[in-house]
PDB file of N, CA and C in Angstrom:
ATOM      1  N   MET A   1      -4.559 -39.669 -65.153  1.00  0.00           N
ATOM      2  CA  MET A   1      -4.565 -38.340 -64.547  1.00  0.00           C
ATOM      3  C   MET A   1      -4.681 -38.499 -63.033  1.00  0.00           C
ATOM      4  N   ARG A   2      -3.867 -37.771 -62.321  1.00  0.00           N
ATOM      5  CA  ARG A   2      -3.890 -37.765 -60.858  1.00  0.00           C
ATOM      6  C   ARG A   2      -4.305 -36.369 -60.397  1.00  0.00           C
ATOM      7  N   VAL A   3      -5.066 -36.303 -59.289  1.00  0.00           N
ATOM      8  CA  VAL A   3      -5.576 -35.026 -58.795  1.00  0.00           C
ATOM      9  C   VAL A   3      -5.239 -34.870 -57.314  1.00  0.00           C
ATOM     10  N   GLY A   4      -4.878 -33.651 -56.935  1.00  0.00           N
ATOM     11  CA  GLY A   4      -4.658 -33.315 -55.527  1.00  0.00           C
ATOM     12  C   GLY A   4      -5.286 -31.967 -55.247  1.00  0.00           C
ATOM     13  N   ILE A   5      -5.813 -31.789 -54.053  1.00  0.00           N
ATOM     14  CA  ILE A   5      -6.434 -30.519 -53.670  1.00  0.00           C
ATOM     15  C   ILE A   5      -6.079 -30.224 -52.216  1.00  0.00           C
ATOM     16  N   ASP A   6      -5.959 -28.946 -51.882  1.00  0.00           N
ATOM     17  CA  ASP A   6      -5.701 -28.581 -50.496  1.00  0.00           C
ATOM     18  C   ASP A   6      -6.327 -27.221 -50.204  1.00  0.00           C
ATOM     19  N   LEU A   7      -6.727 -27.047 -48.962  1.00  0.00           N
ATOM     20  CA  LEU A   7      -7.331 -25.812 -48.476  1.00  0.00           C
ATOM     21  C   LEU A   7      -6.720 -25.518 -47.107  1.00  0.00           C
ATOM     22  N   ILE A   8      -6.298 -24.269 -46.889  1.00  0.00           N
ATOM     23  CA  ILE A   8      -5.682 -23.921 -45.612  1.00  0.00           C
ATOM     24  C   ILE A   8      -6.129 -22.530 -45.171  1.00  0.00           C
ATOM     25  N   GLU A   9      -6.233 -22.348 -43.874  1.00  0.00           N
ATOM     26  CA  GLU A   9      -6.569 -21.040 -43.326  1.00  0.00           C
ATOM     27  C   GLU A   9      -5.322 -20.154 -43.355  1.00  0.00           C
ATOM     28  N   ILE A  10      -5.448 -18.969 -43.912  1.00  0.00           N
ATOM     29  CA  ILE A  10      -4.324 -18.042 -43.995  1.00  0.00           C
ATOM     30  C   ILE A  10      -3.837 -17.662 -42.597  1.00  0.00           C
ATOM     31  N   GLU A  11      -4.745 -17.514 -41.663  1.00  0.00           N
ATOM     32  CA  GLU A  11      -4.365 -17.155 -40.291  1.00  0.00           C
ATOM     33  C   GLU A  11      -3.467 -18.223 -39.668  1.00  0.00           C
ATOM     34  N   ARG A  12      -3.708 -19.471 -39.985  1.00  0.00           N
ATOM     35  CA  ARG A  12      -2.862 -20.563 -39.476  1.00  0.00           C
ATOM     36  C   ARG A  12      -1.423 -20.401 -39.969  1.00  0.00           C
ATOM     37  N   VAL A  13      -1.263 -20.035 -41.227  1.00  0.00           N
ATOM     38  CA  VAL A  13       0.069 -19.813 -41.787  1.00  0.00           C
ATOM     39  C   VAL A  13       0.687 -18.558 -41.174  1.00  0.00           C
ATOM     40  N   ARG A  14      -0.113 -17.511 -41.005  1.00  0.00           N
ATOM     41  CA  ARG A  14       0.382 -16.276 -40.375  1.00  0.00           C
ATOM     42  C   ARG A  14       0.955 -16.580 -38.976  1.00  0.00           C
ATOM     43  N   ARG A  15       0.230 -17.396 -38.203  1.00  0.00           N
ATOM     44  CA  ARG A  15       0.702 -17.756 -36.857  1.00  0.00           C
ATOM     45  C   ARG A  15       1.995 -18.566 -36.928  1.00  0.00           C
ATOM     46  N   ALA A  16       2.087 -19.471 -37.875  1.00  0.00           N
ATOM     47  CA  ALA A  16       3.312 -20.272 -38.031  1.00  0.00           C
ATOM     48  C   ALA A  16       4.501 -19.384 -38.389  1.00  0.00           C
ATOM     49  N   LEU A  17       4.267 -18.397 -39.243  1.00  0.00           N
ATOM     50  CA  LEU A  17       5.338 -17.460 -39.614  1.00  0.00           C
ATOM     51  C   LEU A  17       5.813 -16.662 -38.402  1.00  0.00           C
ATOM     52  N   GLU A  18       4.878 -16.298 -37.525  1.00  0.00           N
ATOM     53  CA  GLU A  18       5.220 -15.513 -36.337  1.00  0.00           C
ATOM     54  C   GLU A  18       5.854 -16.358 -35.235  1.00  0.00           C
ATOM     55  N   ARG A  19       5.390 -17.584 -35.061  1.00  0.00           N
ATOM     56  CA  ARG A  19       5.815 -18.418 -33.933  1.00  0.00           C
ATOM     57  C   ARG A  19       7.099 -19.201 -34.176  1.00  0.00           C
ATOM     58  N   TYR A  20       7.319 -19.633 -35.386  1.00  0.00           N
ATOM     59  CA  TYR A  20       8.420 -20.549 -35.669  1.00  0.00           C
ATOM     60  C   TYR A  20       9.429 -19.883 -36.594  1.00  0.00           C
ATOM     61  N   ALA A  21      10.580 -19.563 -36.044  1.00  0.00           N
ATOM     62  CA  ALA A  21      11.599 -18.828 -36.795  1.00  0.00           C
ATOM     63  C   ALA A  21      12.056 -19.572 -38.043  1.00  0.00           C
ATOM     64  N   ASP A  22      12.049 -20.903 -38.023  1.00  0.00           N
ATOM     65  CA  ASP A  22      12.550 -21.669 -39.161  1.00  0.00           C
ATOM     66  C   ASP A  22      11.462 -22.112 -40.146  1.00  0.00           C
ATOM     67  N   PHE A  23      10.222 -21.723 -39.924  1.00  0.00           N
ATOM     68  CA  PHE A  23       9.126 -22.172 -40.797  1.00  0.00           C
ATOM     69  C   PHE A  23       9.381 -21.798 -42.257  1.00  0.00           C
ATOM     70  N   ARG A  24       9.764 -20.550 -42.512  1.00  0.00           N
ATOM     71  CA  ARG A  24      10.023 -20.103 -43.892  1.00  0.00           C
ATOM     72  C   ARG A  24      11.107 -20.953 -44.546  1.00  0.00           C
ATOM     73  N   GLU A  25      12.234 -21.098 -43.858  1.00  0.00           N
ATOM     74  CA  GLU A  25      13.377 -21.809 -44.423  1.00  0.00           C
ATOM     75  C   GLU A  25      13.113 -23.307 -44.560  1.00  0.00           C
ATOM     76  N   ARG A  26      12.326 -23.862 -43.651  1.00  0.00           N
ATOM     77  CA  ARG A  26      12.046 -25.295 -43.667  1.00  0.00           C
ATOM     78  C   ARG A  26      11.094 -25.671 -44.800  1.00  0.00           C
ATOM     79  N   CYS A  27      10.146 -24.799 -45.117  1.00  0.00           N
ATOM     80  CA  CYS A  27       9.082 -25.160 -46.052  1.00  0.00           C
ATOM     81  C   CYS A  27       9.185 -24.512 -47.430  1.00  0.00           C
ATOM     82  N   PHE A  28       9.960 -23.455 -47.564  1.00  0.00           N
ATOM     83  CA  PHE A  28       9.950 -22.695 -48.817  1.00  0.00           C
ATOM     84  C   PHE A  28      11.361 -22.450 -49.325  1.00  0.00           C
ATOM     85  N   THR A  29      11.508 -22.463 -50.643  1.00  0.00           N
ATOM     86  CA  THR A  29      12.811 -22.189 -51.243  1.00  0.00           C
ATOM     87  C   THR A  29      13.138 -20.704 -51.121  1.00  0.00           C
ATOM     88  N   GLU A  30      14.366 -20.369 -51.403  1.00  0.00           N
ATOM     89  CA  GLU A  30      14.790 -18.969 -51.344  1.00  0.00           C
ATOM     90  C   GLU A  30      13.962 -18.113 -52.302  1.00  0.00           C
ATOM     91  N   ALA A  31      13.713 -18.612 -53.504  1.00  0.00           N
ATOM     92  CA  ALA A  31      12.920 -17.852 -54.487  1.00  0.00           C
ATOM     93  C   ALA A  31      11.484 -17.662 -54.005  1.00  0.00           C
ATOM     94  N   GLU A  32      10.899 -18.694 -53.400  1.00  0.00           N
ATOM     95  CA  GLU A  32       9.534 -18.568 -52.877  1.00  0.00           C
ATOM     96  C   GLU A  32       9.482 -17.543 -51.750  1.00  0.00           C
ATOM     97  N   ARG A  33      10.468 -17.571 -50.875  1.00  0.00           N
ATOM     98  CA  ARG A  33      10.499 -16.613 -49.763  1.00  0.00           C
ATOM     99  C   ARG A  33      10.646 -15.192 -50.282  1.00  0.00           C
ATOM    100  N   ALA A  34      11.505 -15.007 -51.267  1.00  0.00           N
ATOM    101  CA  ALA A  34      11.702 -13.663 -51.833  1.00  0.00           C
ATOM    102  C   ALA A  34      10.398 -13.140 -52.426  1.00  0.00           C
ATOM    103  N   TYR A  35       9.680 -13.990 -53.150  1.00  0.00           N
ATOM    104  CA  TYR A  35       8.416 -13.566 -53.748  1.00  0.00           C
ATOM    105  C   TYR A  35       7.395 -13.231 -52.656  1.00  0.00           C
ATOM    106  N   CYS A  36       7.151 -14.158 -51.742  1.00  0.00           N
ATOM    107  CA  CYS A  36       6.120 -13.955 -50.718  1.00  0.00           C
ATOM    108  C   CYS A  36       6.424 -12.743 -49.844  1.00  0.00           C
ATOM    109  N   ASP A  37       7.684 -12.599 -49.448  1.00  0.00           N
ATOM    110  CA  ASP A  37       8.053 -11.481 -48.577  1.00  0.00           C
ATOM    111  C   ASP A  37       7.965 -10.133 -49.285  1.00  0.00           C
ATOM    112  N   SER A  38       7.934 -10.135 -50.620  1.00  0.00           N
ATOM    113  CA  SER A  38       7.833  -8.875 -51.368  1.00  0.00           C
ATOM    114  C   SER A  38       6.388  -8.409 -51.529  1.00  0.00           C
ATOM    115  N   ARG A  39       5.440  -9.229 -51.150  1.00  0.00           N
ATOM    116  CA  ARG A  39       4.023  -8.931 -51.334  1.00  0.00           C
ATOM    117  C   ARG A  39       3.476  -8.166 -50.128  1.00  0.00           C
ATOM    118  N   PRO A  40       2.406  -7.374 -50.329  1.00  0.00           N
ATOM    119  CA  PRO A  40       1.813  -6.615 -49.213  1.00  0.00           C
ATOM    120  C   PRO A  40       1.295  -7.493 -48.065  1.00  0.00           C
ATOM    121  N   ASN A  41       0.821  -8.692 -48.373  1.00  0.00           N
ATOM    122  CA  ASN A  41       0.295  -9.606 -47.361  1.00  0.00           C
ATOM    123  C   ASN A  41       1.023 -10.941 -47.512  1.00  0.00           C
ATOM    124  N   PRO A  42       2.253 -11.051 -47.002  1.00  0.00           N
ATOM    125  CA  PRO A  42       3.045 -12.266 -47.219  1.00  0.00           C
ATOM    126  C   PRO A  42       2.343 -13.558 -46.804  1.00  0.00           C
ATOM    127  N   ALA A  43       1.632 -13.555 -45.687  1.00  0.00           N
ATOM    128  CA  ALA A  43       0.996 -14.787 -45.209  1.00  0.00           C
ATOM    129  C   ALA A  43       0.038 -15.365 -46.241  1.00  0.00           C
ATOM    130  N   GLN A  44      -0.664 -14.505 -46.948  1.00  0.00           N
ATOM    131  CA  GLN A  44      -1.603 -14.939 -47.974  1.00  0.00           C
ATOM    132  C   GLN A  44      -0.875 -15.725 -49.073  1.00  0.00           C
ATOM    133  N   HIS A  45       0.289 -15.251 -49.451  1.00  0.00           N
ATOM    134  CA  HIS A  45       1.051 -15.887 -50.528  1.00  0.00           C
ATOM    135  C   HIS A  45       1.775 -17.138 -50.040  1.00  0.00           C
ATOM    136  N   TYR A  46       2.265 -17.106 -48.807  1.00  0.00           N
ATOM    137  CA  TYR A  46       2.831 -18.325 -48.234  1.00  0.00           C
ATOM    138  C   TYR A  46       1.758 -19.406 -48.128  1.00  0.00           C
ATOM    139  N   ALA A  47       0.560 -19.028 -47.714  1.00  0.00           N
ATOM    140  CA  ALA A  47      -0.532 -20.000 -47.587  1.00  0.00           C
ATOM    141  C   ALA A  47      -0.872 -20.607 -48.938  1.00  0.00           C
ATOM    142  N   GLY A  48      -0.929 -19.796 -49.983  1.00  0.00           N
ATOM    143  CA  GLY A  48      -1.208 -20.319 -51.317  1.00  0.00           C
ATOM    144  C   GLY A  48      -0.166 -21.320 -51.753  1.00  0.00           C
ATOM    145  N   ARG A  49       1.106 -21.005 -51.516  1.00  0.00           N
ATOM    146  CA  ARG A  49       2.175 -21.923 -51.890  1.00  0.00           C
ATOM    147  C   ARG A  49       2.176 -23.174 -51.020  1.00  0.00           C
ATOM    148  N   PHE A  50       1.859 -23.023 -49.750  1.00  0.00           N
ATOM    149  CA  PHE A  50       1.754 -24.180 -48.869  1.00  0.00           C
ATOM    150  C   PHE A  50       0.666 -25.126 -49.382  1.00  0.00           C
ATOM    151  N   ALA A  51      -0.501 -24.558 -49.703  1.00  0.00           N
ATOM    152  CA  ALA A  51      -1.588 -25.370 -50.255  1.00  0.00           C
ATOM    153  C   ALA A  51      -1.165 -25.999 -51.575  1.00  0.00           C
ATOM    154  N   GLY A  52      -0.432 -25.251 -52.396  1.00  0.00           N
ATOM    155  CA  GLY A  52       0.050 -25.781 -53.667  1.00  0.00           C
ATOM    156  C   GLY A  52       0.955 -26.981 -53.474  1.00  0.00           C
ATOM    157  N   LYS A  53       1.879 -26.895 -52.540  1.00  0.00           N
ATOM    158  CA  LYS A  53       2.787 -27.999 -52.266  1.00  0.00           C
ATOM    159  C   LYS A  53       2.014 -29.222 -51.773  1.00  0.00           C
ATOM    160  N   GLU A  54       1.040 -28.995 -50.893  1.00  0.00           N
ATOM    161  CA  GLU A  54       0.203 -30.095 -50.405  1.00  0.00           C
ATOM    162  C   GLU A  54      -0.567 -30.756 -51.551  1.00  0.00           C
ATOM    163  N   ALA A  55      -1.141 -29.937 -52.422  1.00  0.00           N
ATOM    164  CA  ALA A  55      -1.907 -30.472 -53.554  1.00  0.00           C
ATOM    165  C   ALA A  55      -1.017 -31.289 -54.483  1.00  0.00           C
ATOM    166  N   VAL A  56       0.185 -30.802 -54.749  1.00  0.00           N
ATOM    167  CA  VAL A  56       1.125 -31.545 -55.600  1.00  0.00           C
ATOM    168  C   VAL A  56       1.489 -32.864 -54.941  1.00  0.00           C
ATOM    169  N   GLY A  57       1.813 -32.826 -53.645  1.00  0.00           N
ATOM    170  CA  GLY A  57       2.155 -34.056 -52.930  1.00  0.00           C
ATOM    171  C   GLY A  57       1.030 -35.073 -52.961  1.00  0.00           C
ATOM    172  N   LYS A  58      -0.196 -34.612 -52.805  1.00  0.00           N
ATOM    173  CA  LYS A  58      -1.348 -35.509 -52.853  1.00  0.00           C
ATOM    174  C   LYS A  58      -1.532 -36.094 -54.250  1.00  0.00           C
ATOM    175  N   ALA A  59      -1.390 -35.263 -55.270  1.00  0.00           N
ATOM    176  CA  ALA A  59      -1.556 -35.748 -56.646  1.00  0.00           C
ATOM    177  C   ALA A  59      -0.477 -36.769 -57.005  1.00  0.00           C
ATOM    178  N   LEU A  60       0.716 -36.596 -56.474  1.00  0.00           N
ATOM    179  CA  LEU A  60       1.802 -37.541 -56.743  1.00  0.00           C
ATOM    180  C   LEU A  60       1.693 -38.803 -55.897  1.00  0.00           C
ATOM    181  N   GLY A  61       0.838 -38.766 -54.879  1.00  0.00           N
ATOM    182  CA  GLY A  61       0.669 -39.941 -54.031  1.00  0.00           C
ATOM    183  C   GLY A  61       1.693 -40.046 -52.923  1.00  0.00           C
ATOM    184  N   VAL A  62       2.355 -38.930 -52.593  1.00  0.00           N
ATOM    185  CA  VAL A  62       3.321 -38.945 -51.493  1.00  0.00           C
ATOM    186  C   VAL A  62       2.816 -38.182 -50.287  1.00  0.00           C
ATOM    187  N   GLY A  63       1.665 -37.519 -50.415  1.00  0.00           N
ATOM    188  CA  GLY A  63       1.097 -36.792 -49.287  1.00  0.00           C
ATOM    189  C   GLY A  63       2.097 -35.834 -48.681  1.00  0.00           C
ATOM    190  N   VAL A  64       2.263 -35.888 -47.373  1.00  0.00           N
ATOM    191  CA  VAL A  64       3.201 -34.993 -46.705  1.00  0.00           C
ATOM    192  C   VAL A  64       4.547 -35.668 -46.464  1.00  0.00           C
ATOM    193  N   HIS A  65       4.794 -36.783 -47.111  1.00  0.00           N
ATOM    194  CA  HIS A  65       6.053 -37.503 -46.922  1.00  0.00           C
ATOM    195  C   HIS A  65       7.128 -37.032 -47.891  1.00  0.00           C
ATOM    196  N   PHE A  66       7.071 -35.794 -48.281  1.00  0.00           N
ATOM    197  CA  PHE A  66       8.085 -35.233 -49.162  1.00  0.00           C
ATOM    198  C   PHE A  66       8.795 -34.108 -48.443  1.00  0.00           C
ATOM    199  N   THR A  67       9.889 -33.707 -48.986  1.00  0.00           N
ATOM    200  CA  THR A  67      10.601 -32.564 -48.440  1.00  0.00           C
ATOM    201  C   THR A  67       9.992 -31.311 -49.029  1.00  0.00           C
ATOM    202  N   TRP A  68       9.557 -30.403 -48.178  1.00  0.00           N
ATOM    203  CA  TRP A  68       8.827 -29.209 -48.612  1.00  0.00           C
ATOM    204  C   TRP A  68       9.541 -28.450 -49.709  1.00  0.00           C
ATOM    205  N   ARG A  69      10.838 -28.256 -49.562  1.00  0.00           N
ATOM    206  CA  ARG A  69      11.567 -27.445 -50.545  1.00  0.00           C
ATOM    207  C   ARG A  69      11.813 -28.184 -51.856  1.00  0.00           C
ATOM    208  N   GLU A  70      11.491 -29.466 -51.911  1.00  0.00           N
ATOM    209  CA  GLU A  70      11.644 -30.217 -53.166  1.00  0.00           C
ATOM    210  C   GLU A  70      10.481 -29.961 -54.132  1.00  0.00           C
ATOM    211  N   ILE A  71       9.455 -29.309 -53.662  1.00  0.00           N
ATOM    212  CA  ILE A  71       8.350 -28.858 -54.521  1.00  0.00           C
ATOM    213  C   ILE A  71       8.386 -27.338 -54.484  1.00  0.00           C
ATOM    214  N   GLU A  72       8.781 -26.735 -55.595  1.00  0.00           N
ATOM    215  CA  GLU A  72       8.869 -25.277 -55.661  1.00  0.00           C
ATOM    216  C   GLU A  72       7.783 -24.751 -56.586  1.00  0.00           C
ATOM    217  N   ILE A  73       7.043 -23.777 -56.095  1.00  0.00           N
ATOM    218  CA  ILE A  73       6.005 -23.124 -56.888  1.00  0.00           C
ATOM    219  C   ILE A  73       6.642 -21.901 -57.535  1.00  0.00           C
ATOM    220  N   ARG A  74       6.623 -21.867 -58.849  1.00  0.00           N
ATOM    221  CA  ARG A  74       7.281 -20.788 -59.598  1.00  0.00           C
ATOM    222  C   ARG A  74       6.274 -20.076 -60.483  1.00  0.00           C
ATOM    223  N   GLY A  75       6.584 -18.817 -60.773  1.00  0.00           N
ATOM    224  CA  GLY A  75       5.860 -18.080 -61.793  1.00  0.00           C
ATOM    225  C   GLY A  75       4.608 -17.393 -61.332  1.00  0.00           C
ATOM    226  N   ARG A  76       4.185 -16.468 -62.187  1.00  0.00           N
ATOM    227  CA  ARG A  76       2.996 -15.662 -61.982  1.00  0.00           C
ATOM    228  C   ARG A  76       2.527 -15.164 -63.319  1.00  0.00           C
ATOM    229  N   PRO A  77       1.302 -15.043 -63.654  1.00  0.00           N
ATOM    230  CA  PRO A  77       0.152 -15.353 -62.802  1.00  0.00           C
ATOM    231  C   PRO A  77      -0.166 -16.845 -62.770  1.00  0.00           C
ATOM    232  N   LYS A  78       0.266 -17.609 -63.787  1.00  0.00           N
ATOM    233  CA  LYS A  78       0.024 -19.051 -63.812  1.00  0.00           C
ATOM    234  C   LYS A  78       1.181 -19.743 -63.110  1.00  0.00           C
ATOM    235  N   PRO A  79       0.921 -20.367 -61.968  1.00  0.00           N
ATOM    236  CA  PRO A  79       2.018 -21.002 -61.246  1.00  0.00           C
ATOM    237  C   PRO A  79       2.509 -22.265 -61.949  1.00  0.00           C
ATOM    238  N   GLY A  80       3.801 -22.468 -61.889  1.00  0.00           N
ATOM    239  CA  GLY A  80       4.411 -23.690 -62.385  1.00  0.00           C
ATOM    240  C   GLY A  80       5.003 -24.444 -61.214  1.00  0.00           C
ATOM    241  N   VAL A  81       5.347 -25.694 -61.437  1.00  0.00           N
ATOM    242  CA  VAL A  81       5.875 -26.542 -60.378  1.00  0.00           C
ATOM    243  C   VAL A  81       7.226 -27.097 -60.819  1.00  0.00           C
ATOM    244  N   HIS A  82       8.219 -26.956 -59.948  1.00  0.00           N
ATOM    245  CA  HIS A  82       9.536 -27.539 -60.185  1.00  0.00           C
ATOM    246  C   HIS A  82       9.805 -28.550 -59.081  1.00  0.00           C
ATOM    247  N   LEU A  83      10.125 -29.785 -59.464  1.00  0.00           N
ATOM    248  CA  LEU A  83      10.431 -30.838 -58.496  1.00  0.00           C
ATOM    249  C   LEU A  83      11.927 -31.103 -58.478  1.00  0.00           C
ATOM    250  N   SER A  84      12.430 -31.492 -57.303  1.00  0.00           N
ATOM    251  CA  SER A  84      13.832 -31.866 -57.187  1.00  0.00           C
ATOM    252  C   SER A  84      13.966 -33.001 -56.175  1.00  0.00           C
ATOM    253  N   GLY A  85      15.163 -33.539 -56.063  1.00  0.00           N
ATOM    254  CA  GLY A  85      15.475 -34.530 -55.034  1.00  0.00           C
ATOM    255  C   GLY A  85      14.615 -35.781 -55.083  1.00  0.00           C
ATOM    256  N   ARG A  86      14.284 -36.274 -53.895  1.00  0.00           N
ATOM    257  CA  ARG A  86      13.490 -37.508 -53.776  1.00  0.00           C
ATOM    258  C   ARG A  86      12.100 -37.357 -54.374  1.00  0.00           C
ATOM    259  N   THR A  87      11.554 -36.151 -54.313  1.00  0.00           N
ATOM    260  CA  THR A  87      10.220 -35.931 -54.874  1.00  0.00           C
ATOM    261  C   THR A  87      10.263 -36.079 -56.390  1.00  0.00           C
ATOM    262  N   ARG A  88      11.298 -35.565 -57.046  1.00  0.00           N
ATOM    263  CA  ARG A  88      11.472 -35.738 -58.495  1.00  0.00           C
ATOM    264  C   ARG A  88      11.628 -37.219 -58.824  1.00  0.00           C
ATOM    265  N   ALA A  89      12.443 -37.930 -58.028  1.00  0.00           N
ATOM    266  CA  ALA A  89      12.651 -39.363 -58.252  1.00  0.00           C
ATOM    267  C   ALA A  89      11.336 -40.136 -58.103  1.00  0.00           C
ATOM    268  N   TRP A  90      10.542 -39.764 -57.099  1.00  0.00           N
ATOM    269  CA  TRP A  90       9.247 -40.425 -56.900  1.00  0.00           C
ATOM    270  C   TRP A  90       8.330 -40.154 -58.091  1.00  0.00           C
ATOM    271  N   ALA A  91       8.286 -38.907 -58.551  1.00  0.00           N
ATOM    272  CA  ALA A  91       7.437 -38.555 -59.696  1.00  0.00           C
ATOM    273  C   ALA A  91       7.829 -39.384 -60.921  1.00  0.00           C
ATOM    274  N   ASP A  92       9.114 -39.543 -61.143  1.00  0.00           N
ATOM    275  CA  ASP A  92       9.577 -40.370 -62.267  1.00  0.00           C
ATOM    276  C   ASP A  92       9.155 -41.819 -62.074  1.00  0.00           C
ATOM    277  N   LYS A  93       9.281 -42.325 -60.862  1.00  0.00           N
ATOM    278  CA  LYS A  93       8.937 -43.719 -60.554  1.00  0.00           C
ATOM    279  C   LYS A  93       7.460 -44.012 -60.817  1.00  0.00           C
ATOM    280  N   VAL A  94       6.587 -43.068 -60.477  1.00  0.00           N
ATOM    281  CA  VAL A  94       5.147 -43.302 -60.651  1.00  0.00           C
ATOM    282  C   VAL A  94       4.638 -42.859 -62.023  1.00  0.00           C
ATOM    283  N   GLY A  95       5.545 -42.448 -62.898  1.00  0.00           N
ATOM    284  CA  GLY A  95       5.149 -42.099 -64.271  1.00  0.00           C
ATOM    285  C   GLY A  95       4.447 -40.759 -64.397  1.00  0.00           C
ATOM    286  N   ALA A  96       4.807 -39.815 -63.531  1.00  0.00           N
ATOM    287  CA  ALA A  96       4.185 -38.492 -63.597  1.00  0.00           C
ATOM    288  C   ALA A  96       4.732 -37.720 -64.792  1.00  0.00           C
ATOM    289  N   GLY A  97       3.825 -37.070 -65.491  1.00  0.00           N
ATOM    290  CA  GLY A  97       4.200 -36.210 -66.601  1.00  0.00           C
ATOM    291  C   GLY A  97       4.003 -34.752 -66.222  1.00  0.00           C
ATOM    292  N   ARG A  98       3.353 -34.026 -67.116  1.00  0.00           N
ATOM    293  CA  ARG A  98       3.114 -32.590 -66.908  1.00  0.00           C
ATOM    294  C   ARG A  98       2.310 -32.342 -65.623  1.00  0.00           C
ATOM    295  N   ILE A  99       2.696 -31.318 -64.892  1.00  0.00           N
ATOM    296  CA  ILE A  99       2.013 -30.948 -63.648  1.00  0.00           C
ATOM    297  C   ILE A  99       1.370 -29.583 -63.846  1.00  0.00           C
ATOM    298  N   GLU A 100       0.063 -29.524 -63.638  1.00  0.00           N
ATOM    299  CA  GLU A 100      -0.682 -28.258 -63.719  1.00  0.00           C
ATOM    300  C   GLU A 100      -1.155 -27.899 -62.314  1.00  0.00           C
ATOM    301  N   LEU A 101      -1.043 -26.627 -61.969  1.00  0.00           N
ATOM    302  CA  LEU A 101      -1.427 -26.173 -60.636  1.00  0.00           C
ATOM    303  C   LEU A 101      -2.236 -24.895 -60.741  1.00  0.00           C
ATOM    304  N   SER A 102      -3.310 -24.830 -59.968  1.00  0.00           N
ATOM    305  CA  SER A 102      -4.109 -23.615 -59.858  1.00  0.00           C
ATOM    306  C   SER A 102      -4.241 -23.288 -58.372  1.00  0.00           C
ATOM    307  N   MET A 103      -4.008 -22.013 -58.037  1.00  0.00           N
ATOM    308  CA  MET A 103      -4.108 -21.572 -56.646  1.00  0.00           C
ATOM    309  C   MET A 103      -5.036 -20.369 -56.582  1.00  0.00           C
ATOM    310  N   THR A 104      -5.700 -20.221 -55.444  1.00  0.00           N
ATOM    311  CA  THR A 104      -6.565 -19.063 -55.232  1.00  0.00           C
ATOM    312  C   THR A 104      -6.621 -18.774 -53.738  1.00  0.00           C
ATOM    313  N   HIS A 105      -7.105 -17.580 -53.399  1.00  0.00           N
ATOM    314  CA  HIS A 105      -7.281 -17.261 -51.982  1.00  0.00           C
ATOM    315  C   HIS A 105      -8.390 -16.233 -51.824  1.00  0.00           C
ATOM    316  N   SER A 106      -8.964 -16.256 -50.632  1.00  0.00           N
ATOM    317  CA  SER A 106      -9.905 -15.231 -50.205  1.00  0.00           C
ATOM    318  C   SER A 106      -9.210 -14.497 -49.058  1.00  0.00           C
ATOM    319  N   ARG A 107      -9.933 -13.739 -48.292  1.00  0.00           N
ATOM    320  CA  ARG A 107      -9.325 -13.093 -47.125  1.00  0.00           C
ATOM    321  C   ARG A 107      -8.899 -14.117 -46.076  1.00  0.00           C
ATOM    322  N   GLU A 108      -9.604 -15.230 -46.002  1.00  0.00           N
ATOM    323  CA  GLU A 108      -9.394 -16.185 -44.916  1.00  0.00           C
ATOM    324  C   GLU A 108      -8.780 -17.506 -45.334  1.00  0.00           C
ATOM    325  N   LEU A 109      -8.961 -17.908 -46.586  1.00  0.00           N
ATOM    326  CA  LEU A 109      -8.540 -19.234 -47.026  1.00  0.00           C
ATOM    327  C   LEU A 109      -7.687 -19.173 -48.281  1.00  0.00           C
ATOM    328  N   ALA A 110      -6.790 -20.145 -48.400  1.00  0.00           N
ATOM    329  CA  ALA A 110      -6.028 -20.344 -49.628  1.00  0.00           C
ATOM    330  C   ALA A 110      -6.277 -21.783 -50.078  1.00  0.00           C
ATOM    331  N   ALA A 111      -6.393 -21.963 -51.383  1.00  0.00           N
ATOM    332  CA  ALA A 111      -6.677 -23.286 -51.927  1.00  0.00           C
ATOM    333  C   ALA A 111      -5.817 -23.538 -53.156  1.00  0.00           C
ATOM    334  N   ALA A 112      -5.595 -24.816 -53.429  1.00  0.00           N
ATOM    335  CA  ALA A 112      -4.853 -25.202 -54.623  1.00  0.00           C
ATOM    336  C   ALA A 112      -5.385 -26.526 -55.139  1.00  0.00           C
ATOM    337  N   VAL A 113      -5.370 -26.655 -56.461  1.00  0.00           N
ATOM    338  CA  VAL A 113      -5.736 -27.896 -57.140  1.00  0.00           C
ATOM    339  C   VAL A 113      -4.595 -28.245 -58.077  1.00  0.00           C
ATOM    340  N   CYS A 114      -4.188 -29.499 -58.060  1.00  0.00           N
ATOM    341  CA  CYS A 114      -3.096 -29.959 -58.908  1.00  0.00           C
ATOM    342  C   CYS A 114      -3.569 -31.128 -59.763  1.00  0.00           C
ATOM    343  N   LEU A 115      -3.207 -31.099 -61.032  1.00  0.00           N
ATOM    344  CA  LEU A 115      -3.435 -32.216 -61.944  1.00  0.00           C
ATOM    345  C   LEU A 115      -2.086 -32.690 -62.450  1.00  0.00           C
ATOM    346  N   VAL A 116      -1.859 -33.993 -62.380  1.00  0.00           N
ATOM    347  CA  VAL A 116      -0.624 -34.573 -62.873  1.00  0.00           C
ATOM    348  C   VAL A 116      -0.980 -35.550 -63.988  1.00  0.00           C
ATOM    349  N   ALA A 117      -0.504 -35.259 -65.196  1.00  0.00           N
ATOM    350  CA  ALA A 117      -0.753 -36.134 -66.348  1.00  0.00           C
ATOM    351  C   ALA A 117       0.204 -37.311 -66.300  1.00  0.00           C
ATOM    352  N   GLU A 118      -0.179 -38.367 -66.991  1.00  0.00           N
ATOM    353  CA  GLU A 118       0.733 -39.510 -67.139  1.00  0.00           C
ATOM    354  C   GLU A 118       1.870 -39.106 -68.071  1.00  0.00           C
ATOM    355  N   ALA A 119       3.057 -39.611 -67.793  1.00  0.00           N
ATOM    356  CA  ALA A 119       4.220 -39.287 -68.633  1.00  0.00           C
ATOM    357  C   ALA A 119       4.032 -39.896 -70.018  1.00  0.00           C
ATOM    358  N   ASP A 120       4.535 -39.191 -71.014  1.00  0.00           N
ATOM    359  CA  ASP A 120       4.530 -39.724 -72.377  1.00  0.00           C
ATOM    360  C   ASP A 120       5.498 -40.891 -72.425  1.00  0.00           C
ATOM    361  N   VAL A 121       5.063 -41.967 -73.048  1.00  0.00           N
ATOM    362  CA  VAL A 121       5.910 -43.170 -73.122  1.00  0.00           C
ATOM    363  C   VAL A 121       6.709 -43.175 -74.391  1.00  0.00           C
TER     364      VAL A 121
END
């Protein structure tokens, strides 16, 4: 079992959304952007997904050396994780199986915990 955790300030993500025109497109898939932008407080949801991606990367042992859009957070209320590209190839290489993700937020912080099971042999 592999574990990853991340915590981020929502205000930090809000500032990134305001300051950097390409932040959304660089870090989030089209489906993630559509979901977050449809919410009353988009920054809160972007922060949760950002933390989720970080937690998944840490659990897989790639840290921030992955392509952001190769880890997609899907679904509600229980988030699922879809991997693609080099991140999917890395997960296969290290024997990653089922990926479980939990995300939460307060007014100020967003957090995520990821568990990656060993692949069935």
